[in-house]
């Protein structure tokens, strides 16, 4: 693991907690040094990949994705959940069930991605890949290519990972402290 990813991993693990059985990554966003290290760790493996835009799924994906886009000097593309204010022509898709068994209708502004854009999807956690798969369909429907995914925590099993583009993470879920 390169040094930026190692620093990001260390910062993540220092502030990560379990709260009532739920993962709590919010403390990371409140610590400027830790947040910067996490974002640097998320983007470092992708710097030479010709990324033209970063995409993030509402809500934590907006936080880390926006910061990652700024770090890479590229634009940010929001993927929102249905029911949110989101003007303009949109594409939408319903995701497969997530880790809670919920399906989400995800939307993207059609004009936010141009043909040939090389997209990096950034999020806090990937467990089943349902939202990432839906995001990929939206991105490709707009003419872009999902080059890869970068997350703080990767919890995919091997079969799920085979259906995804390349994924980098700071932490594998089994390496998290016990709840």
Foldseek 3Di string as FASTA:
>chain_A
DDPLLQLLLVLQQVPWDADPNHTDSPVQLVDVVNLVSVLSSQCVVCLPVQAAEEEAEPDQRCVSRVVNCVVSVHYYWYKYWPPDDDDADKDWDWWQQAPVGDITIIITHLPPAAAAHEYEYEHAEDAQCRVVVRVQVRQVVSRYHDQEYEYQEYRYDPVSCVVGHHYYYSYYVVPHDDD
